[in-house]
Protein backbone atom coordinates (compact mmCIF):
# COMPACT_ATOMS: atom_id res chain seq x y z
CA MET A 1 11.47 -7.13 2.33
CA ALA A 2 7.50 -6.52 2.16
CA ARG A 3 5.43 -7.92 -0.60
CA LEU A 4 2.75 -5.08 -1.56
CA TYR A 5 0.21 -4.23 -4.30
CA ALA A 6 -0.26 -0.73 -5.20
CA ASP A 7 -3.48 0.07 -6.12
CA GLU A 8 -4.03 1.85 -9.35
CA ASP A 9 -4.10 5.24 -8.19
CA PHE A 10 -0.66 4.70 -6.44
CA SER A 11 2.02 7.10 -6.95
CA TYR A 12 4.88 4.82 -9.73
CA PRO A 13 7.91 6.59 -8.83
CA VAL A 14 6.92 5.80 -5.14
CA VAL A 15 6.88 2.03 -6.12
CA VAL A 16 9.76 2.32 -8.30
CA ARG A 17 12.01 3.66 -5.10
CA LEU A 18 10.64 1.11 -3.08
CA ARG A 19 11.60 -1.49 -5.58
CA GLN A 20 15.04 0.13 -5.41
CA LEU A 21 14.91 -0.36 -1.61
CA GLY A 22 14.42 -4.04 -1.95
CA HIS A 23 10.32 -4.51 -1.59
CA ASP A 24 8.39 -6.96 -4.00
CA LEU A 25 5.82 -4.89 -5.40
CA VAL A 26 3.38 -5.57 -8.12
CA THR A 27 0.76 -2.39 -9.41
CA ALA A 28 -2.69 -2.32 -10.31
CA GLN A 29 -1.67 -1.86 -13.97
CA GLU A 30 1.03 -4.58 -14.12
CA ALA A 31 -1.42 -7.32 -12.58
CA GLY A 32 -4.20 -6.21 -15.28
CA GLN A 33 -6.52 -5.03 -12.61
CA ALA A 34 -6.47 -1.18 -13.57
CA ASN A 35 -9.32 1.18 -15.02
CA GLN A 36 -11.98 -1.49 -14.50
CA ARG A 37 -13.71 0.21 -11.35
CA ILE A 38 -12.88 -2.97 -9.21
CA GLU A 39 -14.05 -2.53 -5.63
CA ASP A 40 -12.17 -1.56 -2.84
CA GLU A 41 -13.16 -4.93 -1.14
CA ALA A 42 -12.23 -7.06 -4.39
CA VAL A 43 -8.57 -4.74 -4.52
CA LEU A 44 -8.04 -5.97 -0.86
CA ALA A 45 -9.37 -9.65 -1.52
CA TYR A 46 -6.85 -10.11 -4.88
CA ALA A 47 -3.76 -8.88 -2.89
CA SER A 48 -4.46 -10.99 -0.24
CA GLU A 49 -4.99 -13.82 -2.38
CA GLN A 50 -1.43 -12.86 -3.75
CA GLY A 51 0.05 -12.80 -0.63
CA ARG A 52 0.48 -8.70 -0.69
CA ALA A 53 -0.63 -5.87 1.50
CA VAL A 54 -2.30 -3.14 -0.45
CA LEU A 55 -0.34 0.35 -0.93
CA THR A 56 -3.03 3.04 -1.38
CA PHE A 57 -3.74 6.49 -1.04
CA ASN A 58 -7.50 5.89 -0.16
CA ARG A 59 -7.37 6.30 3.39
CA ARG A 60 -11.17 6.53 4.27
CA ASP A 61 -11.96 3.45 2.57
CA PHE A 62 -9.22 1.05 3.39
CA VAL A 63 -9.25 1.93 6.94
CA ARG A 64 -13.05 1.25 6.87
CA LEU A 65 -12.32 -2.06 5.12
CA HIS A 66 -9.63 -3.03 7.64
CA ARG A 67 -12.03 -2.50 10.44
CA THR A 68 -14.72 -4.85 8.50
CA THR A 69 -12.67 -7.62 7.32
CA SER A 70 -11.49 -10.53 9.40
CA SER A 71 -8.29 -11.58 7.83
CA HIS A 72 -6.14 -10.02 5.09
CA GLU A 73 -2.21 -9.44 4.29
CA GLY A 74 -1.98 -5.97 5.54
CA ILE A 75 -2.88 -2.54 4.43
CA VAL A 76 -0.91 0.79 4.32
CA VAL A 77 -2.48 3.45 3.96
CA CYS A 78 -0.37 7.06 2.84
CA SER A 79 -0.68 10.54 3.07
CA ARG A 80 -0.07 12.11 -0.46
CA ASP A 81 3.28 13.65 -0.56
CA ASP A 82 5.35 15.50 -3.89
CA ASP A 83 8.68 14.55 -2.25
CA VAL A 84 8.72 10.69 -3.83
CA SER A 85 12.09 9.93 -2.06
CA ALA A 86 10.78 11.09 0.99
CA LEU A 87 7.43 9.32 0.82
CA ALA A 88 8.95 5.72 0.05
CA GLU A 89 11.61 6.45 2.78
CA ARG A 90 8.76 6.92 5.36
CA ILE A 91 7.34 3.64 4.10
CA HIS A 92 10.33 1.45 4.10
CA GLN A 93 11.25 2.72 7.64
CA GLN A 94 7.52 1.78 8.67
CA LEU A 95 7.69 -1.35 6.59
CA GLU A 96 11.25 -2.31 8.41
CA SER A 97 9.88 -2.05 11.92
CA GLU A 98 6.93 -4.73 11.62
CA PRO A 99 7.69 -8.11 11.75
CA SER A 100 4.25 -9.03 10.01
CA LEU A 101 1.88 -7.03 7.92
CA GLN A 102 -1.18 -9.78 8.44
CA ASN A 103 -4.03 -8.14 9.53
CA GLN A 104 -2.00 -4.77 10.04
CA LEU A 105 -2.77 -1.18 9.35
CA LEU A 106 -0.13 0.92 8.95
CA ARG A 107 -0.90 4.69 8.33
CA ILE A 108 2.10 6.62 6.48
CA ASN A 109 1.27 10.26 7.16
CA ARG A 110 2.85 13.55 5.52
CA PRO A 111 4.93 15.45 8.11
CA SER A 112 3.30 18.68 9.10
CA ARG A 113 4.78 21.99 7.16
CA SER A 114 6.48 24.39 9.83
């Protein structure tokens, strides 16, 4: 299972569900890193130092960081979705299909509505 670091803006109910699915998650709040205006680069560095991929809704900035950072433990960028269970399941399925997150960028998109 994946080792993840959820940034301070990420949905806690999704974190809870991913933990139920067996993933090892630490949140920015649990790590004492919340409400400090920590730069995205430092968030990625902290997660990498902890051997964790970043889990975030901040798609634009973390996609840019993926392109400009030579090495990291992975970045999982997600579209917001009010259906917590569905979002957690999409993340879980994508994580399960990847042998390693190192230096990977995973995009978890909300399905289009018909």
